[in-house]
Amino acid sequence: MIRCGGVTHHGSYPQPQQQPRFPVGAAESGFIPSLSKSPMIRDVWECNLEQEFSVIRSLIKDYPYVSMDTEFPGVVAKPVGNFKTANDFYYQALRCNVNLLKMIQLGVTLLNEKGEVPEHCCTWQFNFRFCLSDDIYAQDSIQLLQNGGINFEYFAKYGVEVTHFAELLISSGLVLNADVRWLAFHAGYDFGYLIKVVGGKELPEKEKDFHQVFHAIFPCVYDIKYLLRSTELSHSLGLDHLAESLRVRRFGLAHQAGSDSLLTGHCYFKLLRDCFSGNIPVANNGVLYGLCEDASSAGTPSSTAIPGGGGHMSGFTVGKNTSSFPAAPSSHTVKSHS
């Protein structure tokens, strides 16, 4: 366990690795790696980023429901100290980890008000630049992603540059648009990474400031895990078990953001029909499971986990060889300021 001030860091520093071997000029010659193994899901790299955003811009008016999921290198930092509420603990954990780490994948699926998707391609899987020799990660999380078909050599060589992505996202019509409805599952970390990318800076220290930015960038959001609290289904279900309960089929590979975003969209519309009679109360808009409501029962998001890396952040602990931790502490570990 490495302790730096108020921070304990789980994991170790990235170890130098051999540079990936790719054909010289592969991207320029039209080589676009495919990870998804589904014709419905299109992989996006730096070389085809602008082309695919052009397609998305042409579709967003007719398909204004945006279902999304991310893959990231896990959870490595745990807040320590005094916290007024479990929500406060959960947000500080999210902030610390998002600020330390990089998003690996973003999956975006477009749907219309009937839950229908565009022909030919409905899901875009953005693969960001990520280098195992330079970036922080947890080994078991990386292994999970590799088992799911992710080749990190491609990410180091062809990955999307986040600044380029942010510029195109802001002008795409997907964000800062009240007519677009974002759908996600247990989405605090997902939106945390997107907000960091769009804003180009770390998440704010205060949760109320985070929510102001969140609602400005994403005026309409429905977190399916929070919606489950209004149904007879258990909100402790993960996405895969929810899909099984709703008899929703997965397309593509699990533990990839494109497939998960498509599954999330289909689960939302099945839930809308079966449990909400086609009408979800507006009070559910903008409520993220574990952030905007009692986080005492929220768990660590079902993503990947990290190894290490230095980083000094007041009030946090980051440890060694630990892939995850409870996103909200049990009641006896939440300390009051009073």
C-alpha atoms as a PDB file:
ATOM      1  CA  MET A   1       0.000   0.000   0.000  1.00  0.00           C
ATOM      2  CA  ILE A   2       1.439   3.356  -1.068  1.00  0.00           C
ATOM      3  CA  ARG A   3       0.335   6.327   0.993  1.00  0.00           C
ATOM      4  CA  CYS A   4       0.871   9.872  -0.259  1.00  0.00           C
ATOM      5  CA  GLY A   5      -0.531  12.470   2.080  1.00  0.00           C
ATOM      6  CA  GLY A   6      -4.222  11.689   2.275  1.00  0.00           C
ATOM      7  CA  VAL A   7      -4.146   9.282  -0.629  1.00  0.00           C
ATOM      8  CA  THR A   8      -3.738   5.541  -0.685  1.00  0.00           C
ATOM      9  CA  HIS A   9      -3.253   4.162  -4.172  1.00  0.00           C
ATOM     10  CA  HIS A  10      -4.361   0.662  -5.214  1.00  0.00           C
ATOM     11  CA  GLY A  11      -2.140  -0.766  -7.894  1.00  0.00           C
ATOM     12  CA  SER A  12       1.304  -0.140  -9.264  1.00  0.00           C
ATOM     13  CA  TYR A  13       2.925   2.118 -11.786  1.00  0.00           C
ATOM     14  CA  PRO A  14       2.583   1.019 -15.408  1.00  0.00           C
ATOM     15  CA  GLN A  15       5.460  -1.183 -16.514  1.00  0.00           C
ATOM     16  CA  PRO A  16       7.328  -0.494 -19.758  1.00  0.00           C
ATOM     17  CA  GLN A  17       6.141  -2.722 -22.559  1.00  0.00           C
ATOM     18  CA  GLN A  18       7.132  -3.303 -26.153  1.00  0.00           C
ATOM     19  CA  GLN A  19       5.665  -0.892 -28.653  1.00  0.00           C
ATOM     20  CA  PRO A  20       2.874  -2.414 -30.753  1.00  0.00           C
ATOM     21  CA  ARG A  21       3.810  -3.643 -34.211  1.00  0.00           C
ATOM     22  CA  PHE A  22       1.543  -2.430 -37.005  1.00  0.00           C
ATOM     23  CA  PRO A  23       1.917  -2.093 -40.723  1.00  0.00           C
ATOM     24  CA  VAL A  24       3.448   1.277 -41.549  1.00  0.00           C
ATOM     25  CA  GLY A  25       0.742   3.625 -42.780  1.00  0.00           C
ATOM     26  CA  ALA A  26      -2.004   1.131 -41.977  1.00  0.00           C
ATOM     27  CA  ALA A  27      -4.552   3.774 -41.006  1.00  0.00           C
ATOM     28  CA  GLU A  28      -3.740   5.871 -44.055  1.00  0.00           C
ATOM     29  CA  SER A  29      -4.275   2.848 -46.289  1.00  0.00           C
ATOM     30  CA  GLY A  30      -7.802   2.328 -44.984  1.00  0.00           C
ATOM     31  CA  PHE A  31      -7.118  -0.314 -42.330  1.00  0.00           C
ATOM     32  CA  ILE A  32      -9.739   0.088 -39.579  1.00  0.00           C
ATOM     33  CA  PRO A  33      -9.546  -2.479 -36.765  1.00  0.00           C
ATOM     34  CA  SER A  34     -12.826  -4.148 -35.844  1.00  0.00           C
ATOM     35  CA  LEU A  35     -13.453  -5.292 -32.275  1.00  0.00           C
ATOM     36  CA  SER A  36     -17.223  -5.534 -32.001  1.00  0.00           C
ATOM     37  CA  LYS A  37     -17.889  -8.611 -34.192  1.00  0.00           C
ATOM     38  CA  SER A  38     -21.340  -7.254 -35.048  1.00  0.00           C
ATOM     39  CA  PRO A  39     -22.511  -5.474 -38.225  1.00  0.00           C
ATOM     40  CA  MET A  40     -24.720  -3.258 -36.050  1.00  0.00           C
ATOM     41  CA  ILE A  41     -21.714  -1.807 -34.203  1.00  0.00           C
ATOM     42  CA  ARG A  42     -19.108   0.346 -35.932  1.00  0.00           C
ATOM     43  CA  ASP A  43     -15.665   0.799 -34.418  1.00  0.00           C
ATOM     44  CA  VAL A  44     -14.403   4.384 -34.448  1.00  0.00           C
ATOM     45  CA  TRP A  45     -10.713   5.244 -34.373  1.00  0.00           C
ATOM     46  CA  GLU A  46      -8.880   8.505 -34.972  1.00  0.00           C
ATOM     47  CA  CYS A  47      -8.727   7.811 -38.715  1.00  0.00           C
ATOM     48  CA  ASN A  48     -12.530   7.601 -39.191  1.00  0.00           C
ATOM     49  CA  LEU A  49     -13.675   9.835 -36.325  1.00  0.00           C
ATOM     50  CA  GLU A  50     -14.820  12.814 -38.404  1.00  0.00           C
ATOM     51  CA  GLN A  51     -16.552  10.597 -40.963  1.00  0.00           C
ATOM     52  CA  GLU A  52     -18.590   8.783 -38.310  1.00  0.00           C
ATOM     53  CA  PHE A  53     -19.535  11.974 -36.469  1.00  0.00           C
ATOM     54  CA  SER A  54     -20.869  13.265 -39.779  1.00  0.00           C
ATOM     55  CA  VAL A  55     -23.141  10.211 -39.965  1.00  0.00           C
ATOM     56  CA  ILE A  56     -24.286  10.702 -36.377  1.00  0.00           C
ATOM     57  CA  ARG A  57     -25.109  14.372 -37.008  1.00  0.00           C
ATOM     58  CA  SER A  58     -27.281  13.374 -39.954  1.00  0.00           C
ATOM     59  CA  LEU A  59     -29.269  10.917 -37.805  1.00  0.00           C
ATOM     60  CA  ILE A  60     -29.686  12.608 -34.431  1.00  0.00           C
ATOM     61  CA  LYS A  61     -32.835  14.553 -35.350  1.00  0.00           C
ATOM     62  CA  ASP A  62     -34.729  11.388 -36.295  1.00  0.00           C
ATOM     63  CA  TYR A  63     -33.100   9.242 -33.595  1.00  0.00           C
ATOM     64  CA  PRO A  64     -32.916  11.522 -30.537  1.00  0.00           C
ATOM     65  CA  TYR A  65     -32.486   8.783 -27.918  1.00  0.00           C
ATOM     66  CA  VAL A  66     -28.809   8.208 -27.152  1.00  0.00           C
ATOM     67  CA  SER A  67     -27.995   5.084 -25.194  1.00  0.00           C
ATOM     68  CA  MET A  68     -24.444   4.967 -23.919  1.00  0.00           C
ATOM     69  CA  ASP A  69     -21.906   2.990 -21.940  1.00  0.00           C
ATOM     70  CA  THR A  70     -18.212   3.372 -21.198  1.00  0.00           C
ATOM     71  CA  GLU A  71     -15.303   1.095 -20.413  1.00  0.00           C
ATOM     72  CA  PHE A  72     -12.555   2.461 -18.199  1.00  0.00           C
ATOM     73  CA  PRO A  73      -9.549   1.009 -16.351  1.00  0.00           C
ATOM     74  CA  GLY A  74     -11.370   0.431 -13.086  1.00  0.00           C
ATOM     75  CA  VAL A  75     -11.522   1.937  -9.622  1.00  0.00           C
ATOM     76  CA  VAL A  76      -8.265   2.508  -7.746  1.00  0.00           C
ATOM     77  CA  ALA A  77      -8.791   5.266  -5.213  1.00  0.00           C
ATOM     78  CA  LYS A  78     -10.876   5.264  -2.046  1.00  0.00           C
ATOM     79  CA  PRO A  79     -11.782   8.387  -0.057  1.00  0.00           C
ATOM     80  CA  VAL A  80     -10.720   8.540   3.577  1.00  0.00           C
ATOM     81  CA  GLY A  81     -11.721  11.028   6.237  1.00  0.00           C
ATOM     82  CA  ASN A  82     -15.018  12.550   7.278  1.00  0.00           C
ATOM     83  CA  PHE A  83     -18.066  12.572   5.000  1.00  0.00           C
ATOM     84  CA  LYS A  84     -21.455  14.078   5.769  1.00  0.00           C
ATOM     85  CA  THR A  85     -23.366  11.452   3.808  1.00  0.00           C
ATOM     86  CA  ALA A  86     -22.876   8.291   1.796  1.00  0.00           C
ATOM     87  CA  ASN A  87     -23.605  10.392  -1.303  1.00  0.00           C
ATOM     88  CA  ASP A  88     -20.656  12.604  -0.414  1.00  0.00           C
ATOM     89  CA  PHE A  89     -18.388   9.555  -0.146  1.00  0.00           C
ATOM     90  CA  TYR A  90     -19.644   8.160  -3.456  1.00  0.00           C
ATOM     91  CA  TYR A  91     -19.067  11.396  -5.352  1.00  0.00           C
ATOM     92  CA  GLN A  92     -15.576  11.899  -3.924  1.00  0.00           C
ATOM     93  CA  ALA A  93     -14.682   8.339  -4.925  1.00  0.00           C
ATOM     94  CA  LEU A  94     -15.990   8.979  -8.426  1.00  0.00           C
ATOM     95  CA  ARG A  95     -14.182  12.309  -8.706  1.00  0.00           C
ATOM     96  CA  CYS A  96     -10.847  10.917  -7.576  1.00  0.00           C
ATOM     97  CA  ASN A  97     -10.923   7.936  -9.921  1.00  0.00           C
ATOM     98  CA  VAL A  98     -12.211   9.818 -12.966  1.00  0.00           C
ATOM     99  CA  ASN A  99      -9.559  12.499 -12.484  1.00  0.00           C
ATOM    100  CA  LEU A 100      -6.800   9.885 -12.206  1.00  0.00           C
ATOM    101  CA  LEU A 101      -7.819   7.645 -15.083  1.00  0.00           C
ATOM    102  CA  LYS A 102      -8.677   7.634 -18.779  1.00  0.00           C
ATOM    103  CA  MET A 103     -11.776   6.454 -20.573  1.00  0.00           C
ATOM    104  CA  ILE A 104     -10.975   3.483 -22.809  1.00  0.00           C
ATOM    105  CA  GLN A 105     -14.203   3.087 -24.807  1.00  0.00           C
ATOM    106  CA  LEU A 106     -17.487   4.910 -25.302  1.00  0.00           C
ATOM    107  CA  GLY A 107     -20.448   3.167 -26.875  1.00  0.00           C
ATOM    108  CA  VAL A 108     -23.257   5.269 -28.353  1.00  0.00           C
ATOM    109  CA  THR A 109     -26.484   3.843 -29.792  1.00  0.00           C
ATOM    110  CA  LEU A 110     -29.133   5.958 -31.543  1.00  0.00           C
ATOM    111  CA  LEU A 111     -32.839   5.098 -31.267  1.00  0.00           C
ATOM    112  CA  ASN A 112     -36.125   6.820 -32.092  1.00  0.00           C
ATOM    113  CA  GLU A 113     -39.159   7.272 -29.823  1.00  0.00           C
ATOM    114  CA  LYS A 114     -40.344   3.746 -30.695  1.00  0.00           C
ATOM    115  CA  GLY A 115     -37.026   2.161 -29.776  1.00  0.00           C
ATOM    116  CA  GLU A 116     -36.162   1.569 -33.429  1.00  0.00           C
ATOM    117  CA  VAL A 117     -32.587   1.962 -34.642  1.00  0.00           C
ATOM    118  CA  PRO A 118     -31.159   3.225 -37.957  1.00  0.00           C
ATOM    119  CA  GLU A 119     -30.563   0.759 -40.764  1.00  0.00           C
ATOM    120  CA  HIS A 120     -27.112  -0.666 -41.422  1.00  0.00           C
ATOM    121  CA  CYS A 121     -25.453   0.788 -38.309  1.00  0.00           C
ATOM    122  CA  CYS A 122     -26.969   2.005 -35.053  1.00  0.00           C
ATOM    123  CA  THR A 123     -24.065   1.869 -32.603  1.00  0.00           C
ATOM    124  CA  TRP A 124     -20.692   3.591 -32.613  1.00  0.00           C
ATOM    125  CA  GLN A 125     -17.873   2.296 -30.447  1.00  0.00           C
ATOM    126  CA  PHE A 126     -15.298   5.033 -29.861  1.00  0.00           C
ATOM    127  CA  ASN A 127     -11.900   3.574 -29.019  1.00  0.00           C
ATOM    128  CA  PHE A 128      -9.659   6.094 -27.254  1.00  0.00           C
ATOM    129  CA  ARG A 129      -5.910   6.288 -27.181  1.00  0.00           C
ATOM    130  CA  PHE A 130      -4.706   4.178 -24.263  1.00  0.00           C
ATOM    131  CA  CYS A 131      -1.199   2.839 -23.733  1.00  0.00           C
ATOM    132  CA  LEU A 132      -0.442   0.069 -21.268  1.00  0.00           C
ATOM    133  CA  SER A 133       3.119   1.344 -20.814  1.00  0.00           C
ATOM    134  CA  ASP A 134       2.048   4.909 -19.944  1.00  0.00           C
ATOM    135  CA  ASP A 135      -1.457   4.905 -18.478  1.00  0.00           C
ATOM    136  CA  ILE A 136      -2.804   3.768 -15.115  1.00  0.00           C
ATOM    137  CA  TYR A 137      -4.879   0.608 -14.976  1.00  0.00           C
ATOM    138  CA  ALA A 138      -5.607  -2.477 -12.877  1.00  0.00           C
ATOM    139  CA  GLN A 139      -4.242  -5.671 -14.313  1.00  0.00           C
ATOM    140  CA  ASP A 140      -7.357  -7.737 -13.645  1.00  0.00           C
ATOM    141  CA  SER A 141      -9.505  -5.102 -15.322  1.00  0.00           C
ATOM    142  CA  ILE A 142      -7.312  -5.013 -18.383  1.00  0.00           C
ATOM    143  CA  GLN A 143      -7.418  -8.796 -18.465  1.00  0.00           C
ATOM    144  CA  LEU A 144     -11.220  -8.693 -18.378  1.00  0.00           C
ATOM    145  CA  LEU A 145     -11.283  -6.335 -21.352  1.00  0.00           C
ATOM    146  CA  GLN A 146      -8.738  -8.399 -23.245  1.00  0.00           C
ATOM    147  CA  ASN A 147     -10.852 -11.490 -22.641  1.00  0.00           C
ATOM    148  CA  GLY A 148     -13.730  -9.509 -24.137  1.00  0.00           C
ATOM    149  CA  GLY A 149     -11.842  -8.996 -27.391  1.00  0.00           C
ATOM    150  CA  ILE A 150     -10.051  -5.699 -26.792  1.00  0.00           C
ATOM    151  CA  ASN A 151      -6.574  -5.470 -28.343  1.00  0.00           C
ATOM    152  CA  PHE A 152      -4.707  -2.651 -26.611  1.00  0.00           C
ATOM    153  CA  GLU A 153      -2.099  -2.471 -29.353  1.00  0.00           C
ATOM    154  CA  TYR A 154      -4.808  -0.940 -31.535  1.00  0.00           C
ATOM    155  CA  PHE A 155      -5.663   1.616 -28.839  1.00  0.00           C
ATOM    156  CA  ALA A 156      -2.053   2.763 -28.541  1.00  0.00           C
ATOM    157  CA  LYS A 157      -1.643   3.059 -32.315  1.00  0.00           C
ATOM    158  CA  TYR A 158      -5.038   4.106 -33.674  1.00  0.00           C
ATOM    159  CA  GLY A 159      -6.946   5.388 -30.634  1.00  0.00           C
ATOM    160  CA  VAL A 160      -9.101   8.517 -30.759  1.00  0.00           C
ATOM    161  CA  GLU A 161      -7.542  11.681 -29.331  1.00  0.00           C
ATOM    162  CA  VAL A 162      -9.892  12.959 -26.619  1.00  0.00           C
ATOM    163  CA  THR A 163      -9.465  16.631 -27.535  1.00  0.00           C
ATOM    164  CA  HIS A 164     -10.476  15.926 -31.137  1.00  0.00           C
ATOM    165  CA  PHE A 165     -13.407  13.842 -29.911  1.00  0.00           C
ATOM    166  CA  ALA A 166     -14.541  16.607 -27.541  1.00  0.00           C
ATOM    167  CA  GLU A 167     -14.588  19.199 -30.326  1.00  0.00           C
ATOM    168  CA  LEU A 168     -16.739  16.991 -32.544  1.00  0.00           C
ATOM    169  CA  LEU A 169     -19.037  15.895 -29.722  1.00  0.00           C
ATOM    170  CA  ILE A 170     -19.825  19.474 -28.724  1.00  0.00           C
ATOM    171  CA  SER A 171     -20.818  20.360 -32.297  1.00  0.00           C
ATOM    172  CA  SER A 172     -22.662  17.094 -32.981  1.00  0.00           C
ATOM    173  CA  GLY A 173     -26.031  17.910 -31.443  1.00  0.00           C
ATOM    174  CA  LEU A 174     -25.674  15.066 -28.936  1.00  0.00           C
ATOM    175  CA  VAL A 175     -24.919  17.358 -25.991  1.00  0.00           C
ATOM    176  CA  LEU A 176     -26.219  20.750 -24.832  1.00  0.00           C
ATOM    177  CA  ASN A 177     -29.508  19.761 -26.463  1.00  0.00           C
ATOM    178  CA  ALA A 178     -32.740  19.365 -24.484  1.00  0.00           C
ATOM    179  CA  ASP A 179     -34.323  17.422 -27.356  1.00  0.00           C
ATOM    180  CA  VAL A 180     -31.833  14.572 -26.937  1.00  0.00           C
ATOM    181  CA  ARG A 181     -32.550  11.957 -24.277  1.00  0.00           C
ATOM    182  CA  TRP A 182     -29.558  10.104 -22.885  1.00  0.00           C
ATOM    183  CA  LEU A 183     -30.056   6.560 -21.575  1.00  0.00           C
ATOM    184  CA  ALA A 184     -27.551   4.707 -19.405  1.00  0.00           C
ATOM    185  CA  PHE A 185     -27.236   2.110 -16.657  1.00  0.00           C
ATOM    186  CA  HIS A 186     -25.626   2.959 -13.298  1.00  0.00           C
ATOM    187  CA  ALA A 187     -24.168   5.937 -15.038  1.00  0.00           C
ATOM    188  CA  GLY A 188     -22.334   8.125 -12.527  1.00  0.00           C
ATOM    189  CA  TYR A 189     -18.873   7.116 -13.702  1.00  0.00           C
ATOM    190  CA  ASP A 190     -19.958   7.116 -17.361  1.00  0.00           C
ATOM    191  CA  PHE A 191     -21.088  10.736 -17.234  1.00  0.00           C
ATOM    192  CA  GLY A 192     -18.137  11.656 -15.035  1.00  0.00           C
ATOM    193  CA  TYR A 193     -15.734  10.609 -17.788  1.00  0.00           C
ATOM    194  CA  LEU A 194     -17.765  12.361 -20.484  1.00  0.00           C
ATOM    195  CA  ILE A 195     -17.927  15.586 -18.480  1.00  0.00           C
ATOM    196  CA  LYS A 196     -14.156  15.510 -17.978  1.00  0.00           C
ATOM    197  CA  VAL A 197     -13.635  14.979 -21.709  1.00  0.00           C
ATOM    198  CA  VAL A 198     -16.094  17.679 -22.802  1.00  0.00           C
ATOM    199  CA  GLY A 199     -14.851  20.223 -20.275  1.00  0.00           C
ATOM    200  CA  GLY A 200     -11.195  19.399 -20.772  1.00  0.00           C
ATOM    201  CA  LYS A 201     -10.519  19.574 -17.040  1.00  0.00           C
ATOM    202  CA  GLU A 202     -10.879  17.596 -13.834  1.00  0.00           C
ATOM    203  CA  LEU A 203     -14.222  17.137 -12.113  1.00  0.00           C
ATOM    204  CA  PRO A 204     -15.081  19.800  -9.511  1.00  0.00           C
ATOM    205  CA  GLU A 205     -14.488  19.172  -5.826  1.00  0.00           C
ATOM    206  CA  LYS A 206     -18.074  19.919  -4.811  1.00  0.00           C
ATOM    207  CA  GLU A 207     -20.873  17.603  -5.885  1.00  0.00           C
ATOM    208  CA  LYS A 208     -23.302  20.495  -6.410  1.00  0.00           C
ATOM    209  CA  ASP A 209     -20.919  21.981  -8.984  1.00  0.00           C
ATOM    210  CA  PHE A 210     -20.748  18.610 -10.724  1.00  0.00           C
ATOM    211  CA  HIS A 211     -24.529  18.486 -10.975  1.00  0.00           C
ATOM    212  CA  GLN A 212     -24.692  21.981 -12.458  1.00  0.00           C
ATOM    213  CA  VAL A 213     -22.283  21.009 -15.222  1.00  0.00           C
ATOM    214  CA  PHE A 214     -23.957  17.625 -15.705  1.00  0.00           C
ATOM    215  CA  HIS A 215     -27.434  19.108 -16.202  1.00  0.00           C
ATOM    216  CA  ALA A 216     -26.098  21.802 -18.546  1.00  0.00           C
ATOM    217  CA  ILE A 217     -24.328  19.341 -20.840  1.00  0.00           C
ATOM    218  CA  PHE A 218     -26.965  16.593 -20.562  1.00  0.00           C
ATOM    219  CA  PRO A 219     -30.378  18.247 -19.990  1.00  0.00           C
ATOM    220  CA  CYS A 220     -32.297  14.965 -20.310  1.00  0.00           C
ATOM    221  CA  VAL A 221     -30.907  11.745 -18.801  1.00  0.00           C
ATOM    222  CA  TYR A 222     -32.520   8.529 -17.590  1.00  0.00           C
ATOM    223  CA  ASP A 223     -30.467   6.096 -15.518  1.00  0.00           C
ATOM    224  CA  ILE A 224     -32.102   2.681 -15.870  1.00  0.00           C
ATOM    225  CA  LYS A 225     -30.723   1.388 -12.579  1.00  0.00           C
ATOM    226  CA  TYR A 226     -32.491   4.247 -10.790  1.00  0.00           C
ATOM    227  CA  LEU A 227     -35.691   3.607 -12.757  1.00  0.00           C
ATOM    228  CA  LEU A 228     -35.745   0.044 -11.410  1.00  0.00           C
ATOM    229  CA  ARG A 229     -36.609   1.465  -7.990  1.00  0.00           C
ATOM    230  CA  SER A 230     -40.047   2.303  -9.378  1.00  0.00           C
ATOM    231  CA  THR A 231     -40.659  -1.249 -10.597  1.00  0.00           C
ATOM    232  CA  GLU A 232     -41.068  -4.700  -9.101  1.00  0.00           C
ATOM    233  CA  LEU A 233     -37.638  -5.628 -10.450  1.00  0.00           C
ATOM    234  CA  SER A 234     -34.712  -5.456  -8.049  1.00  0.00           C
ATOM    235  CA  HIS A 235     -32.492  -2.409  -8.495  1.00  0.00           C
ATOM    236  CA  SER A 236     -29.570  -4.614  -7.437  1.00  0.00           C
ATOM    237  CA  LEU A 237     -29.662  -6.297 -10.850  1.00  0.00           C
ATOM    238  CA  GLY A 238     -26.725  -5.761 -13.161  1.00  0.00           C
ATOM    239  CA  LEU A 239     -27.273  -5.009 -16.838  1.00  0.00           C
ATOM    240  CA  ASP A 240     -26.884  -8.617 -18.010  1.00  0.00           C
ATOM    241  CA  HIS A 241     -29.298  -9.983 -15.408  1.00  0.00           C
ATOM    242  CA  LEU A 242     -31.783  -7.216 -16.187  1.00  0.00           C
ATOM    243  CA  ALA A 243     -31.619  -8.110 -19.879  1.00  0.00           C
ATOM    244  CA  GLU A 244     -32.269 -11.752 -19.009  1.00  0.00           C
ATOM    245  CA  SER A 245     -35.259 -10.773 -16.862  1.00  0.00           C
ATOM    246  CA  LEU A 246     -36.670  -8.645 -19.678  1.00  0.00           C
ATOM    247  CA  ARG A 247     -35.741 -11.243 -22.324  1.00  0.00           C
ATOM    248  CA  VAL A 248     -33.663  -8.749 -24.251  1.00  0.00           C
ATOM    249  CA  ARG A 249     -31.019 -10.158 -26.574  1.00  0.00           C
ATOM    250  CA  ARG A 250     -27.411  -8.965 -26.635  1.00  0.00           C
ATOM    251  CA  PHE A 251     -25.685  -8.156 -29.935  1.00  0.00           C
ATOM    252  CA  GLY A 252     -21.903  -8.081 -30.016  1.00  0.00           C
ATOM    253  CA  LEU A 253     -19.485  -8.910 -27.212  1.00  0.00           C
ATOM    254  CA  ALA A 254     -19.961  -8.301 -23.495  1.00  0.00           C
ATOM    255  CA  HIS A 255     -17.432  -6.005 -21.786  1.00  0.00           C
ATOM    256  CA  GLN A 256     -17.328  -3.806 -24.860  1.00  0.00           C
ATOM    257  CA  ALA A 257     -18.978  -0.393 -24.690  1.00  0.00           C
ATOM    258  CA  GLY A 258     -20.762  -0.659 -28.038  1.00  0.00           C
ATOM    259  CA  SER A 259     -22.577  -3.881 -27.206  1.00  0.00           C
ATOM    260  CA  ASP A 260     -23.425  -2.656 -23.698  1.00  0.00           C
ATOM    261  CA  SER A 261     -24.852   0.621 -25.019  1.00  0.00           C
ATOM    262  CA  LEU A 262     -27.049  -1.250 -27.506  1.00  0.00           C
ATOM    263  CA  LEU A 263     -28.257  -3.607 -24.779  1.00  0.00           C
ATOM    264  CA  THR A 264     -28.949  -0.632 -22.501  1.00  0.00           C
ATOM    265  CA  GLY A 265     -31.110   1.037 -25.146  1.00  0.00           C
ATOM    266  CA  HIS A 266     -33.140  -2.100 -25.781  1.00  0.00           C
ATOM    267  CA  CYS A 267     -33.614  -2.649 -22.027  1.00  0.00           C
ATOM    268  CA  TYR A 268     -34.867   0.918 -21.598  1.00  0.00           C
ATOM    269  CA  PHE A 269     -37.601   0.591 -24.199  1.00  0.00           C
ATOM    270  CA  LYS A 270     -38.615  -2.858 -22.946  1.00  0.00           C
ATOM    271  CA  LEU A 271     -38.839  -1.425 -19.430  1.00  0.00           C
ATOM    272  CA  LEU A 272     -40.767   1.573 -20.764  1.00  0.00           C
ATOM    273  CA  ARG A 273     -43.414  -0.690 -22.291  1.00  0.00           C
ATOM    274  CA  ASP A 274     -43.599  -3.392 -19.626  1.00  0.00           C
ATOM    275  CA  CYS A 275     -43.288  -1.382 -16.410  1.00  0.00           C
ATOM    276  CA  PHE A 276     -44.134   2.247 -17.168  1.00  0.00           C
ATOM    277  CA  SER A 277     -46.960   1.923 -19.719  1.00  0.00           C
ATOM    278  CA  GLY A 278     -44.948   4.041 -22.133  1.00  0.00           C
ATOM    279  CA  ASN A 279     -44.588   7.034 -19.815  1.00  0.00           C
ATOM    280  CA  ILE A 280     -41.732   7.590 -17.364  1.00  0.00           C
ATOM    281  CA  PRO A 281     -42.391  10.381 -14.811  1.00  0.00           C
ATOM    282  CA  VAL A 282     -40.332  13.482 -15.503  1.00  0.00           C
ATOM    283  CA  ALA A 283     -39.102  13.431 -11.888  1.00  0.00           C
ATOM    284  CA  ASN A 284     -36.735  10.629 -12.918  1.00  0.00           C
ATOM    285  CA  ASN A 285     -34.935  12.893 -15.383  1.00  0.00           C
ATOM    286  CA  GLY A 286     -31.383  13.684 -14.374  1.00  0.00           C
ATOM    287  CA  VAL A 287     -31.235  11.329 -11.391  1.00  0.00           C
ATOM    288  CA  LEU A 288     -28.085   9.207 -11.404  1.00  0.00           C
ATOM    289  CA  TYR A 289     -28.113   6.059  -9.305  1.00  0.00           C
ATOM    290  CA  GLY A 290     -25.877   6.577  -6.287  1.00  0.00           C
ATOM    291  CA  LEU A 291     -25.332  10.305  -6.848  1.00  0.00           C
ATOM    292  CA  CYS A 292     -28.594  12.217  -6.957  1.00  0.00           C
ATOM    293  CA  GLU A 293     -30.280   9.864  -4.510  1.00  0.00           C
ATOM    294  CA  ASP A 294     -29.315   7.763  -1.504  1.00  0.00           C
ATOM    295  CA  ALA A 295     -26.076   6.034  -2.444  1.00  0.00           C
ATOM    296  CA  SER A 296     -26.017   3.724   0.552  1.00  0.00           C
ATOM    297  CA  SER A 297     -27.026   0.755  -1.571  1.00  0.00           C
ATOM    298  CA  ALA A 298     -25.026   1.672  -4.658  1.00  0.00           C
ATOM    299  CA  GLY A 299     -22.145  -0.590  -5.618  1.00  0.00           C
ATOM    300  CA  THR A 300     -19.037  -0.103  -7.642  1.00  0.00           C
ATOM    301  CA  PRO A 301     -20.011   0.196 -11.326  1.00  0.00           C
ATOM    302  CA  SER A 302     -19.675  -2.980 -13.350  1.00  0.00           C
ATOM    303  CA  SER A 303     -16.749  -1.785 -15.393  1.00  0.00           C
ATOM    304  CA  THR A 304     -13.115  -2.724 -15.270  1.00  0.00           C
ATOM    305  CA  ALA A 305     -10.520  -2.107 -12.563  1.00  0.00           C
ATOM    306  CA  ILE A 306      -6.941  -0.430 -12.447  1.00  0.00           C
ATOM    307  CA  PRO A 307      -3.205  -0.763 -11.534  1.00  0.00           C
ATOM    308  CA  GLY A 308      -1.618   1.995 -10.419  1.00  0.00           C
ATOM    309  CA  GLY A 309       0.052   5.118 -10.897  1.00  0.00           C
ATOM    310  CA  GLY A 310       1.053   7.876  -8.636  1.00  0.00           C
ATOM    311  CA  GLY A 311      -1.155  10.844  -8.301  1.00  0.00           C
ATOM    312  CA  HIS A 312      -1.638  12.905  -5.188  1.00  0.00           C
ATOM    313  CA  MET A 313      -5.167  13.794  -4.217  1.00  0.00           C
ATOM    314  CA  SER A 314      -6.069  15.098  -0.812  1.00  0.00           C
ATOM    315  CA  GLY A 315      -8.405  12.963   1.224  1.00  0.00           C
ATOM    316  CA  PHE A 316      -8.078   9.730  -0.761  1.00  0.00           C
ATOM    317  CA  THR A 317      -6.336   6.413  -0.443  1.00  0.00           C
ATOM    318  CA  VAL A 318      -5.047   4.413  -3.334  1.00  0.00           C
ATOM    319  CA  GLY A 319      -3.723   0.939  -2.690  1.00  0.00           C
ATOM    320  CA  LYS A 320      -1.914  -1.950  -4.345  1.00  0.00           C
ATOM    321  CA  ASN A 321      -3.291  -4.864  -6.364  1.00  0.00           C
ATOM    322  CA  THR A 322      -6.891  -4.023  -5.536  1.00  0.00           C
ATOM    323  CA  SER A 323      -9.237  -3.911  -8.486  1.00  0.00           C
ATOM    324  CA  SER A 324     -12.306  -2.387  -6.887  1.00  0.00           C
ATOM    325  CA  PHE A 325     -13.908  -1.177  -3.687  1.00  0.00           C
ATOM    326  CA  PRO A 326     -17.452  -0.477  -2.472  1.00  0.00           C
ATOM    327  CA  ALA A 327     -18.717   2.689  -4.124  1.00  0.00           C
ATOM    328  CA  ALA A 328     -20.522   3.605  -0.934  1.00  0.00           C
ATOM    329  CA  PRO A 329     -19.338   2.666   2.538  1.00  0.00           C
ATOM    330  CA  SER A 330     -21.380   0.733   5.047  1.00  0.00           C
ATOM    331  CA  SER A 331     -23.129   2.963   7.542  1.00  0.00           C
ATOM    332  CA  HIS A 332     -20.582   2.474  10.314  1.00  0.00           C
ATOM    333  CA  THR A 333     -17.753   3.743   8.124  1.00  0.00           C
ATOM    334  CA  VAL A 334     -19.400   6.986   7.009  1.00  0.00           C
ATOM    335  CA  LYS A 335     -18.101   9.646   9.374  1.00  0.00           C
ATOM    336  CA  SER A 336     -20.073  12.752  10.147  1.00  0.00           C
ATOM    337  CA  HIS A 337     -18.613  16.247  10.191  1.00  0.00           C
ATOM    338  CA  SER A 338     -20.737  17.094  13.194  1.00  0.00           C
END
